[in-house]
Amino acid sequence: MAGGGRAQEDEATTPSPVPIVSTRLGELPTTGGRRPGPFDLAPVAAVRAPGVAPRSIQIEAAAVDAGIETLRVVDGSMQDPTGPWVVGWYENLGSLGAEGNVVMAGHIDYWNVGPSVFYGLAGLAPGTRVAVTGEDDQVYEYEVEWVRQYSAETAPLDEIVGPTTTDSLTLITCGGTFDYTNAQYLERTVVRANRIVA
C-alpha cells in the first residue's frame, strides 16, 4: 500500500507534455502558421539551377510519399512550404541529374493538422533509400549519408545548403525544442543523401 501511494504521488507531480494549441483560426488557405522558412541565407542567384525539376519524393522508412512544389530563396530567405503534405524544392539551389546540392524542405507538424510530411525525418538512418521522381519521369535514387540537428541560429549554412561536388540531396525540417513565445522550433533536422548511380 505504501509503495502504491508513493507511485500515485510521483505520478501526480510528474509534469505532462504541453501540447501545441492554436489561439485563433488562420486565413484560408493556411500557410503553415506563417512560420519562417528553414533558414535565412546570403543572397542567392535568382536563376534556376541546370538539370531536371523534381515532381515527387518517396521515403518508405519515414512514410513519405509526397508531391513537390517549386520554391525559391528570395532576398536571402528560403520560402516556406505552403501546406502540411507538400515538400518544397528550392529551384535556384540545385536540380536533379546535375552535380550539386538539391535542397528540399517540409513541415514537421502543422497548425490544426498535427504531424506532417517530414515528421519522421529525424528517425532516418544512414543507408536509407530516398526516391525522387523528376519531370522527365526518371526516378533518381539517393542513399542517406547522415542525419544531424543544428541550431536554427548558428547552423553552418554553406555546409547544409551550399553547392556540393557530388549529386547530393538535402532535406530540411524543424526539430528540437518548440519556443512557445515565438511559435517556432529552435533547431533544424537536416538529412544529407547521395545519389546512387548504377
Protein backbone atom coordinates (compact mmCIF):
# COMPACT_ATOMS: atom_id res chain seq x y z
CA MET A 1 0.00 0.00 0.00
CA ALA A 2 2.80 2.41 0.87
CA GLY A 3 4.51 1.70 -2.45
CA GLY A 4 1.28 2.27 -4.34
CA GLY A 5 0.74 5.57 -2.58
CA ARG A 6 4.27 6.70 -3.48
CA ALA A 7 3.70 5.80 -7.14
CA GLN A 8 0.49 7.79 -7.17
CA GLU A 9 2.27 10.76 -5.59
CA ASP A 10 5.07 10.60 -8.19
CA GLU A 11 2.55 10.31 -10.99
CA ALA A 12 0.66 13.33 -9.71
CA THR A 13 3.79 15.52 -9.58
CA THR A 14 5.27 14.50 -12.94
CA PRO A 15 4.52 17.24 -15.48
CA SER A 16 2.85 16.07 -18.65
CA PRO A 17 3.92 17.38 -22.09
CA VAL A 18 2.27 20.63 -23.07
CA PRO A 19 0.53 20.31 -26.45
CA ILE A 20 0.73 22.99 -29.12
CA VAL A 21 -2.63 24.73 -29.01
CA SER A 22 -3.78 27.22 -31.62
CA THR A 23 -5.14 30.51 -30.33
CA ARG A 24 -7.17 31.54 -33.37
CA LEU A 25 -8.19 30.49 -36.85
CA GLY A 26 -5.86 31.42 -39.67
CA GLU A 27 -6.65 32.68 -43.12
CA LEU A 28 -7.59 30.11 -45.74
CA PRO A 29 -5.67 28.67 -47.38
CA THR A 30 -3.26 28.50 -44.48
CA THR A 31 0.49 28.84 -45.00
CA GLY A 32 1.63 26.78 -42.05
CA GLY A 33 1.15 29.34 -39.32
CA ARG A 34 3.34 31.78 -41.26
CA ARG A 35 6.43 30.33 -39.63
CA PRO A 36 9.77 31.45 -41.07
CA GLY A 37 11.38 29.28 -43.71
CA PRO A 38 14.05 26.72 -42.84
CA PHE A 39 16.95 29.18 -42.86
CA ASP A 40 17.91 32.71 -43.83
CA LEU A 41 20.77 32.74 -46.31
CA ALA A 42 23.07 35.14 -48.04
CA PRO A 43 21.68 36.33 -51.39
CA VAL A 44 21.45 33.54 -53.97
CA ALA A 45 21.29 33.85 -57.75
CA ALA A 46 17.69 34.08 -58.95
CA VAL A 47 18.15 31.78 -61.94
CA ARG A 48 17.00 28.17 -61.87
CA ALA A 49 19.81 25.65 -61.49
CA PRO A 50 20.50 23.49 -64.57
CA GLY A 51 19.06 19.99 -64.52
CA VAL A 52 15.66 18.35 -64.04
CA ALA A 53 12.91 19.64 -61.75
CA PRO A 54 11.66 17.09 -59.17
CA ARG A 55 7.96 16.14 -59.15
CA SER A 56 7.56 13.76 -56.17
CA ILE A 57 9.51 12.17 -53.33
CA GLN A 58 9.17 8.80 -51.60
CA ILE A 59 10.91 7.74 -48.37
CA GLU A 60 9.37 4.45 -47.27
CA ALA A 61 11.21 4.46 -43.92
CA ALA A 62 9.63 7.80 -42.96
CA ALA A 63 6.19 7.20 -44.57
CA VAL A 64 6.81 10.00 -47.09
CA ASP A 65 5.01 9.88 -50.43
CA ALA A 66 4.55 13.50 -51.43
CA GLY A 67 4.30 15.89 -54.31
CA ILE A 68 6.88 18.63 -54.70
CA GLU A 69 6.24 22.34 -55.20
CA THR A 70 8.74 24.82 -56.59
CA LEU A 71 10.07 27.40 -54.13
CA ARG A 72 12.96 29.86 -54.19
CA VAL A 73 15.47 31.56 -51.98
CA VAL A 74 14.35 35.20 -52.24
CA ASP A 75 16.45 38.04 -50.77
CA GLY A 76 18.29 35.51 -48.62
CA SER A 77 15.17 33.80 -47.21
CA MET A 78 14.03 30.28 -48.01
CA GLN A 79 10.33 30.30 -48.77
CA ASP A 80 8.20 28.12 -46.52
CA PRO A 81 6.33 25.07 -47.94
CA THR A 82 2.68 26.04 -48.37
CA GLY A 83 0.98 23.01 -46.79
CA PRO A 84 1.39 20.08 -44.41
CA TRP A 85 1.83 17.34 -47.02
CA VAL A 86 3.82 19.07 -49.78
CA VAL A 87 7.63 19.21 -50.00
CA GLY A 88 9.27 22.38 -51.23
CA TRP A 89 12.18 22.31 -53.70
CA TYR A 90 14.43 25.39 -53.97
CA GLU A 91 14.94 25.71 -57.70
CA ASN A 92 17.78 28.21 -57.52
CA LEU A 93 19.97 25.94 -55.37
CA GLY A 94 20.22 22.66 -57.31
CA SER A 95 18.36 20.31 -59.67
CA LEU A 96 18.20 16.57 -60.34
CA GLY A 97 20.74 14.93 -62.61
CA ALA A 98 23.35 17.65 -62.24
CA GLU A 99 26.34 17.92 -59.95
CA GLY A 100 25.32 19.92 -56.90
CA ASN A 101 23.00 20.07 -53.92
CA VAL A 102 19.26 19.54 -54.44
CA VAL A 103 17.63 21.16 -51.39
CA MET A 104 14.10 20.41 -50.17
CA ALA A 105 12.10 21.27 -47.05
CA GLY A 106 8.88 20.11 -45.45
CA HIS A 107 6.91 20.72 -42.26
CA ILE A 108 7.35 18.50 -39.20
CA ASP A 109 3.89 19.49 -37.97
CA TYR A 110 1.21 21.93 -38.97
CA TRP A 111 -1.35 24.05 -37.18
CA ASN A 112 -4.71 22.31 -36.87
CA VAL A 113 -3.28 19.18 -38.58
CA GLY A 114 -0.58 17.69 -36.34
CA PRO A 115 2.36 15.59 -37.61
CA SER A 116 3.13 16.44 -41.23
CA VAL A 117 5.12 15.28 -44.24
CA PHE A 118 8.63 15.31 -42.69
CA TYR A 119 7.58 14.24 -39.18
CA GLY A 120 9.68 11.05 -39.40
CA LEU A 121 12.78 12.64 -40.94
CA ALA A 122 14.88 12.63 -37.74
CA GLY A 123 14.44 8.86 -37.44
CA LEU A 124 16.17 8.06 -40.72
CA ALA A 125 19.44 6.12 -40.57
CA PRO A 126 22.48 6.13 -42.84
CA GLY A 127 21.83 3.84 -45.79
CA THR A 128 18.10 4.66 -46.01
CA ARG A 129 16.88 4.96 -49.60
CA VAL A 130 15.17 8.09 -50.92
CA ALA A 131 13.50 8.12 -54.35
CA VAL A 132 12.78 11.35 -56.21
CA THR A 133 10.83 11.31 -59.48
CA GLY A 134 11.70 14.06 -61.92
CA GLU A 135 9.67 15.84 -64.57
CA ASP A 136 11.46 13.58 -67.04
CA ASP A 137 9.69 10.58 -65.38
CA GLN A 138 13.07 9.20 -64.29
CA VAL A 139 13.47 8.02 -60.68
CA TYR A 140 16.59 9.43 -59.03
CA GLU A 141 17.65 7.24 -56.11
CA TYR A 142 19.64 8.53 -53.15
CA GLU A 143 21.11 6.94 -50.03
CA VAL A 144 21.22 8.78 -46.70
CA GLU A 145 24.76 9.65 -45.60
CA TRP A 146 23.94 11.44 -42.31
CA VAL A 147 21.18 12.97 -40.18
CA ARG A 148 22.05 15.96 -37.97
CA GLN A 149 20.42 18.52 -35.69
CA TYR A 150 21.51 22.15 -35.99
CA SER A 151 20.63 25.27 -34.06
CA ALA A 152 18.44 27.46 -36.26
CA GLU A 153 20.59 30.45 -35.23
CA THR A 154 24.09 29.04 -35.72
CA ALA A 155 23.74 26.34 -38.39
CA PRO A 156 26.66 26.18 -40.91
CA LEU A 157 24.61 27.15 -43.94
CA ASP A 158 27.41 26.66 -46.50
CA GLU A 159 27.73 23.04 -45.34
CA ILE A 160 23.97 22.45 -45.36
CA VAL A 161 22.62 24.14 -48.49
CA GLY A 162 25.76 25.24 -50.30
CA PRO A 163 26.90 23.62 -53.54
CA THR A 164 28.48 20.17 -53.43
CA THR A 165 30.91 18.45 -55.78
CA THR A 166 28.66 15.36 -55.95
CA ASP A 167 24.99 14.79 -56.82
CA SER A 168 23.54 15.37 -53.36
CA LEU A 169 20.08 15.72 -51.82
CA THR A 170 19.49 17.74 -48.64
CA LEU A 171 16.20 17.50 -46.74
CA ILE A 172 15.32 20.01 -44.01
CA THR A 173 12.60 20.22 -41.39
CA CYS A 174 12.14 21.77 -37.95
CA GLY A 175 13.22 19.99 -34.78
CA GLY A 176 14.38 20.31 -31.21
CA THR A 177 12.55 22.39 -28.61
CA PHE A 178 9.48 24.38 -29.56
CA ASP A 179 9.63 28.03 -28.42
CA TYR A 180 6.03 28.81 -27.48
CA THR A 181 6.73 32.53 -27.05
CA ASN A 182 7.89 32.96 -30.65
CA ALA A 183 5.97 29.97 -32.08
CA GLN A 184 8.99 28.33 -33.69
CA TYR A 185 11.33 25.38 -33.31
CA LEU A 186 14.85 26.17 -32.13
CA GLU A 187 16.61 23.54 -34.25
CA ARG A 188 16.55 22.13 -37.75
CA THR A 189 16.79 18.47 -38.68
CA VAL A 190 18.95 18.03 -41.78
CA VAL A 191 19.36 14.87 -43.85
CA ARG A 192 22.13 14.56 -46.46
CA ALA A 193 21.85 11.85 -49.10
CA ASN A 194 23.96 11.00 -52.14
CA ARG A 195 22.75 9.77 -55.48
CA ILE A 196 23.13 6.09 -56.24
CA VAL A 197 24.49 5.65 -59.74
CA ALA A 198 24.21 2.14 -61.18
